[in-house]
Structures are given as structure tokens and as C-alpha cells.
Amino acid sequence: MSVVVRLVQESDLPLLRERQARPELGLVDVHYEAASGGTLLFAVALEDDEPLGTALLDVDPENRWVPELRNMWVYPTARRRGAGRALSSWLEQQARDRGFQAVYLAVDPNNEKAIPLYVSLDYLPTGEHLYVEDPEVPQVDESTQPAEHYAIYKKSLTAH
């Protein structure tokens, strides 16, 4: 089957809560509630109605880098099946549909698994950095020291 991406629905919440990276933070509910405010798109990738992962597109005009692809999380058991690519492509199309010409993301430079994916999706480093004192969700595993600054990447939505 193929990976399908859509906005998270209330009926998805129980399964997404079970699979969130840091259940003690309750981010599934925080993101779902924020999405109802219209400044955040909360997407889920599914295969045969089975969630593979989630991602956010922050479209809040008050943020410095807008829109921003954030919190992409593909469940460890679902990796290497195209969910990350499907989530980013779908959210990029949502950004295009809203008139944006680029999408940004902030990534820990020590996140050796994510950066090759982002580069393969045509995200390029801008040279800008974001100081991160207390990340919402760590981007590296326990064996890797997290960086204090995330690198900002940008993808043009108008380049062919």
C-alpha cells in the first residue's frame, strides 16, 4: 500500500498518544489544540489506516521563519517506508496552497539521520542558527550530545 497524509482528526488521537516520543509532554494534544487555532497544521502519515508518523507546519505569521516544518516524527518501526518524504511533500503543498514561496526548518547539526533526508528533499542550509536552550523534543538519541544551536534550512517552493 501507499502512504497517505492528511490532517490529524480527533479519532486519530488515541493511537497517536500511544506512539508519541515523549508521552509526559502530551504534545499530541498540545499540537491538536494549536491546530484548531489555524496557525499550525498537524499532519499524520498513514498506511492502511496505521499511523506511521506525524509532522507540523507552523504558519504563525509572528514566527521568524514561516512556514516552518517542525516536529517530524516517524515511528521507529515505520522508518524507511516513505513516511518522512510523504509528510514533508504534503505539508510543502499546503504551504504552496497558502501562497508561501519557501519552507524553513531548524535541525540539530548533530542529527545525522535527519539532515541527509532534508538535503535529499532540497532543503539547503541558510547559514542562520537558532539558539535552543530547552528543545521541545530532543532531535538526537541519548548517545549523541545535542547542539545548543539548530541550523536553519530552507526549501524554495518556486524553484523547478
C-alpha atoms as a PDB file:
ATOM      1  CA  MET A   1       0.000   0.000   0.000  1.00  0.00           C
ATOM      2  CA  SER A   2       0.995   3.607  -0.322  1.00  0.00           C
ATOM      3  CA  VAL A   3       1.487   6.228   2.335  1.00  0.00           C
ATOM      4  CA  VAL A   4      -1.378   8.696   2.680  1.00  0.00           C
ATOM      5  CA  VAL A   5      -1.033  12.022   4.503  1.00  0.00           C
ATOM      6  CA  ARG A   6      -3.848  14.114   5.899  1.00  0.00           C
ATOM      7  CA  LEU A   7      -4.628  16.405   8.801  1.00  0.00           C
ATOM      8  CA  VAL A   8      -4.908  14.724  12.188  1.00  0.00           C
ATOM      9  CA  GLN A   9      -8.504  14.063  13.199  1.00  0.00           C
ATOM     10  CA  GLU A  10      -9.849  13.685  16.711  1.00  0.00           C
ATOM     11  CA  SER A  11     -10.341   9.950  16.101  1.00  0.00           C
ATOM     12  CA  ASP A  12      -6.563   9.621  15.497  1.00  0.00           C
ATOM     13  CA  LEU A  13      -5.613  10.958  18.919  1.00  0.00           C
ATOM     14  CA  PRO A  14      -5.717   7.730  20.973  1.00  0.00           C
ATOM     15  CA  LEU A  15      -3.242   5.924  18.668  1.00  0.00           C
ATOM     16  CA  LEU A  16      -1.049   8.996  18.287  1.00  0.00           C
ATOM     17  CA  ARG A  17      -0.895   9.434  22.068  1.00  0.00           C
ATOM     18  CA  GLU A  18       0.368   5.851  22.427  1.00  0.00           C
ATOM     19  CA  ARG A  19       3.180   6.477  19.951  1.00  0.00           C
ATOM     20  CA  GLN A  20       4.378   9.965  20.831  1.00  0.00           C
ATOM     21  CA  ALA A  21       8.080  10.317  21.554  1.00  0.00           C
ATOM     22  CA  ARG A  22       7.671  11.903  24.993  1.00  0.00           C
ATOM     23  CA  PRO A  23       4.226  10.999  26.382  1.00  0.00           C
ATOM     24  CA  GLU A  24       4.824  13.007  29.564  1.00  0.00           C
ATOM     25  CA  LEU A  25       4.684  16.216  27.483  1.00  0.00           C
ATOM     26  CA  GLY A  26       1.306  15.427  25.912  1.00  0.00           C
ATOM     27  CA  LEU A  27       2.418  17.009  22.635  1.00  0.00           C
ATOM     28  CA  VAL A  28      -0.202  15.217  20.560  1.00  0.00           C
ATOM     29  CA  ASP A  29      -2.928  17.054  22.454  1.00  0.00           C
ATOM     30  CA  VAL A  30      -0.980  20.331  22.547  1.00  0.00           C
ATOM     31  CA  HIS A  31      -0.466  20.219  18.781  1.00  0.00           C
ATOM     32  CA  TYR A  32      -4.037  19.164  18.052  1.00  0.00           C
ATOM     33  CA  GLU A  33      -5.360  22.058  20.131  1.00  0.00           C
ATOM     34  CA  ALA A  34      -2.948  24.515  18.483  1.00  0.00           C
ATOM     35  CA  ALA A  35      -4.025  23.275  15.058  1.00  0.00           C
ATOM     36  CA  SER A  36      -7.606  24.257  15.849  1.00  0.00           C
ATOM     37  CA  GLY A  37      -6.351  27.848  16.152  1.00  0.00           C
ATOM     38  CA  GLY A  38      -5.340  27.902  12.492  1.00  0.00           C
ATOM     39  CA  THR A  39      -1.653  28.751  12.882  1.00  0.00           C
ATOM     40  CA  LEU A  40      -0.465  25.145  12.839  1.00  0.00           C
ATOM     41  CA  LEU A  41      -1.149  22.214  10.517  1.00  0.00           C
ATOM     42  CA  PHE A  42      -0.831  18.842  12.265  1.00  0.00           C
ATOM     43  CA  ALA A  43      -0.418  16.040   9.729  1.00  0.00           C
ATOM     44  CA  VAL A  44      -0.319  12.266  10.042  1.00  0.00           C
ATOM     45  CA  ALA A  45       1.125   9.734   7.597  1.00  0.00           C
ATOM     46  CA  LEU A  46      -0.876   6.509   7.338  1.00  0.00           C
ATOM     47  CA  GLU A  47      -0.535   3.170   5.618  1.00  0.00           C
ATOM     48  CA  ASP A  48      -3.647   1.000   5.685  1.00  0.00           C
ATOM     49  CA  ASP A  49      -5.055   3.321   8.386  1.00  0.00           C
ATOM     50  CA  GLU A  50      -1.978   2.602  10.544  1.00  0.00           C
ATOM     51  CA  PRO A  51      -0.169   5.787  11.679  1.00  0.00           C
ATOM     52  CA  LEU A  52       3.477   5.902  10.576  1.00  0.00           C
ATOM     53  CA  GLY A  53       4.354   9.339  11.944  1.00  0.00           C
ATOM     54  CA  THR A  54       3.382  12.970  12.275  1.00  0.00           C
ATOM     55  CA  ALA A  55       4.700  16.435  11.413  1.00  0.00           C
ATOM     56  CA  LEU A  56       3.729  20.055  11.854  1.00  0.00           C
ATOM     57  CA  LEU A  57       3.694  23.065   9.589  1.00  0.00           C
ATOM     58  CA  ASP A  58       3.817  26.259  11.641  1.00  0.00           C
ATOM     59  CA  VAL A  59       2.164  29.063   9.676  1.00  0.00           C
ATOM     60  CA  ASP A  60       2.015  31.589  12.536  1.00  0.00           C
ATOM     61  CA  PRO A  61       2.938  34.948  10.966  1.00  0.00           C
ATOM     62  CA  GLU A  62       4.551  36.038  14.248  1.00  0.00           C
ATOM     63  CA  ASN A  63       7.304  33.427  13.938  1.00  0.00           C
ATOM     64  CA  ARG A  64      10.629  34.387  12.389  1.00  0.00           C
ATOM     65  CA  TRP A  65      10.820  31.530   9.879  1.00  0.00           C
ATOM     66  CA  VAL A  66       7.399  30.936   8.355  1.00  0.00           C
ATOM     67  CA  PRO A  67       6.209  28.477   7.379  1.00  0.00           C
ATOM     68  CA  GLU A  68       8.318  26.088   9.401  1.00  0.00           C
ATOM     69  CA  LEU A  69       8.293  22.317   9.106  1.00  0.00           C
ATOM     70  CA  ARG A  70       8.559  21.113  12.705  1.00  0.00           C
ATOM     71  CA  ASN A  71       8.451  18.012  14.863  1.00  0.00           C
ATOM     72  CA  MET A  72       8.577  15.464  12.070  1.00  0.00           C
ATOM     73  CA  TRP A  73       8.489  12.136  13.878  1.00  0.00           C
ATOM     74  CA  VAL A  74       8.366   8.843  12.006  1.00  0.00           C
ATOM     75  CA  TYR A  75       7.900   5.954  14.381  1.00  0.00           C
ATOM     76  CA  PRO A  76      10.986   3.712  14.594  1.00  0.00           C
ATOM     77  CA  THR A  77       9.003   0.693  13.364  1.00  0.00           C
ATOM     78  CA  ALA A  78       7.825   2.678  10.312  1.00  0.00           C
ATOM     79  CA  ARG A  79      11.117   4.111   9.107  1.00  0.00           C
ATOM     80  CA  ARG A  80      12.421   3.684   5.547  1.00  0.00           C
ATOM     81  CA  ARG A  81       8.875   3.359   4.150  1.00  0.00           C
ATOM     82  CA  GLY A  82       8.498   6.879   2.755  1.00  0.00           C
ATOM     83  CA  ALA A  83       6.539   8.477   5.589  1.00  0.00           C
ATOM     84  CA  GLY A  84       9.023  11.331   6.120  1.00  0.00           C
ATOM     85  CA  ARG A  85       9.060  12.195   2.432  1.00  0.00           C
ATOM     86  CA  ALA A  86       5.280  11.953   2.218  1.00  0.00           C
ATOM     87  CA  LEU A  87       4.773  14.180   5.275  1.00  0.00           C
ATOM     88  CA  SER A  88       7.170  16.852   4.055  1.00  0.00           C
ATOM     89  CA  SER A  89       5.784  16.819   0.484  1.00  0.00           C
ATOM     90  CA  TRP A  90       2.203  17.105   1.704  1.00  0.00           C
ATOM     91  CA  LEU A  91       2.987  19.942   4.097  1.00  0.00           C
ATOM     92  CA  GLU A  92       5.021  21.739   1.418  1.00  0.00           C
ATOM     93  CA  GLN A  93       1.968  21.580  -0.851  1.00  0.00           C
ATOM     94  CA  GLN A  94      -0.139  23.048   1.940  1.00  0.00           C
ATOM     95  CA  ALA A  95       2.382  25.907   2.182  1.00  0.00           C
ATOM     96  CA  ARG A  96       2.231  26.452  -1.612  1.00  0.00           C
ATOM     97  CA  ASP A  97      -1.562  26.494  -1.481  1.00  0.00           C
ATOM     98  CA  ARG A  98      -1.339  29.276   1.130  1.00  0.00           C
ATOM     99  CA  GLY A  99       0.911  31.372  -1.112  1.00  0.00           C
ATOM    100  CA  PHE A 100       4.259  30.737   0.594  1.00  0.00           C
ATOM    101  CA  GLN A 101       7.362  30.655  -1.605  1.00  0.00           C
ATOM    102  CA  ALA A 102       9.621  28.681   0.772  1.00  0.00           C
ATOM    103  CA  VAL A 103       9.535  26.369   3.788  1.00  0.00           C
ATOM    104  CA  TYR A 104      12.024  26.502   6.654  1.00  0.00           C
ATOM    105  CA  LEU A 105      13.117  24.010   9.267  1.00  0.00           C
ATOM    106  CA  ALA A 106      15.506  24.047  12.217  1.00  0.00           C
ATOM    107  CA  VAL A 107      17.611  20.941  12.795  1.00  0.00           C
ATOM    108  CA  ASP A 108      20.212  19.958  15.342  1.00  0.00           C
ATOM    109  CA  PRO A 109      23.501  19.775  13.395  1.00  0.00           C
ATOM    110  CA  ASN A 110      24.254  16.551  15.308  1.00  0.00           C
ATOM    111  CA  ASN A 111      21.104  14.875  13.954  1.00  0.00           C
ATOM    112  CA  GLU A 112      22.955  12.695  11.459  1.00  0.00           C
ATOM    113  CA  LYS A 113      19.814  10.795  10.455  1.00  0.00           C
ATOM    114  CA  ALA A 114      17.592  13.755   9.604  1.00  0.00           C
ATOM    115  CA  ILE A 115      19.990  16.029   7.738  1.00  0.00           C
ATOM    116  CA  PRO A 116      20.561  13.675   4.757  1.00  0.00           C
ATOM    117  CA  LEU A 117      16.786  13.334   4.370  1.00  0.00           C
ATOM    118  CA  TYR A 118      16.281  17.096   4.425  1.00  0.00           C
ATOM    119  CA  VAL A 119      19.086  17.661   1.921  1.00  0.00           C
ATOM    120  CA  SER A 120      17.614  14.972  -0.354  1.00  0.00           C
ATOM    121  CA  LEU A 121      14.313  16.893  -0.169  1.00  0.00           C
ATOM    122  CA  ASP A 122      16.099  20.044  -1.429  1.00  0.00           C
ATOM    123  CA  TYR A 123      16.395  21.851   1.911  1.00  0.00           C
ATOM    124  CA  LEU A 124      19.580  23.912   1.985  1.00  0.00           C
ATOM    125  CA  PRO A 125      21.342  25.493   4.976  1.00  0.00           C
ATOM    126  CA  THR A 126      20.804  29.247   5.187  1.00  0.00           C
ATOM    127  CA  GLY A 127      23.792  29.923   7.445  1.00  0.00           C
ATOM    128  CA  GLU A 128      21.428  31.122  10.172  1.00  0.00           C
ATOM    129  CA  HIS A 129      21.159  29.435  13.547  1.00  0.00           C
ATOM    130  CA  LEU A 130      18.633  29.324  16.336  1.00  0.00           C
ATOM    131  CA  TYR A 131      19.751  29.084  19.971  1.00  0.00           C
ATOM    132  CA  VAL A 132      17.909  26.222  21.675  1.00  0.00           C
ATOM    133  CA  GLU A 133      18.031  26.185  25.439  1.00  0.00           C
ATOM    134  CA  ASP A 134      15.411  23.525  26.081  1.00  0.00           C
ATOM    135  CA  PRO A 135      14.133  21.706  22.969  1.00  0.00           C
ATOM    136  CA  GLU A 136      10.520  20.538  22.998  1.00  0.00           C
ATOM    137  CA  VAL A 137      11.697  17.135  21.785  1.00  0.00           C
ATOM    138  CA  PRO A 138      15.390  16.215  21.538  1.00  0.00           C
ATOM    139  CA  GLN A 139      16.467  15.623  17.955  1.00  0.00           C
ATOM    140  CA  VAL A 140      19.311  13.252  18.812  1.00  0.00           C
ATOM    141  CA  ASP A 141      19.427   9.987  20.732  1.00  0.00           C
ATOM    142  CA  GLU A 142      20.877   9.649  24.225  1.00  0.00           C
ATOM    143  CA  SER A 143      24.323   8.666  22.902  1.00  0.00           C
ATOM    144  CA  THR A 144      24.731  11.962  20.998  1.00  0.00           C
ATOM    145  CA  GLN A 145      25.360  15.352  22.562  1.00  0.00           C
ATOM    146  CA  PRO A 146      22.688  17.813  21.391  1.00  0.00           C
ATOM    147  CA  ALA A 147      23.886  21.091  19.914  1.00  0.00           C
ATOM    148  CA  GLU A 148      22.982  24.410  21.531  1.00  0.00           C
ATOM    149  CA  HIS A 149      22.192  25.950  18.152  1.00  0.00           C
ATOM    150  CA  TYR A 150      19.987  24.470  15.453  1.00  0.00           C
ATOM    151  CA  ALA A 151      20.855  25.124  11.825  1.00  0.00           C
ATOM    152  CA  ILE A 152      18.140  26.756   9.720  1.00  0.00           C
ATOM    153  CA  TYR A 153      17.409  25.120   6.367  1.00  0.00           C
ATOM    154  CA  LYS A 154      15.204  26.479   3.602  1.00  0.00           C
ATOM    155  CA  LYS A 155      13.471  24.926   0.623  1.00  0.00           C
ATOM    156  CA  SER A 156      12.233  27.030  -2.266  1.00  0.00           C
ATOM    157  CA  LEU A 157       8.709  26.177  -3.336  1.00  0.00           C
ATOM    158  CA  THR A 158       9.073  28.063  -6.609  1.00  0.00           C
ATOM    159  CA  ALA A 159      12.282  26.516  -7.998  1.00  0.00           C
ATOM    160  CA  HIS A 160      11.825  23.929 -10.726  1.00  0.00           C
END
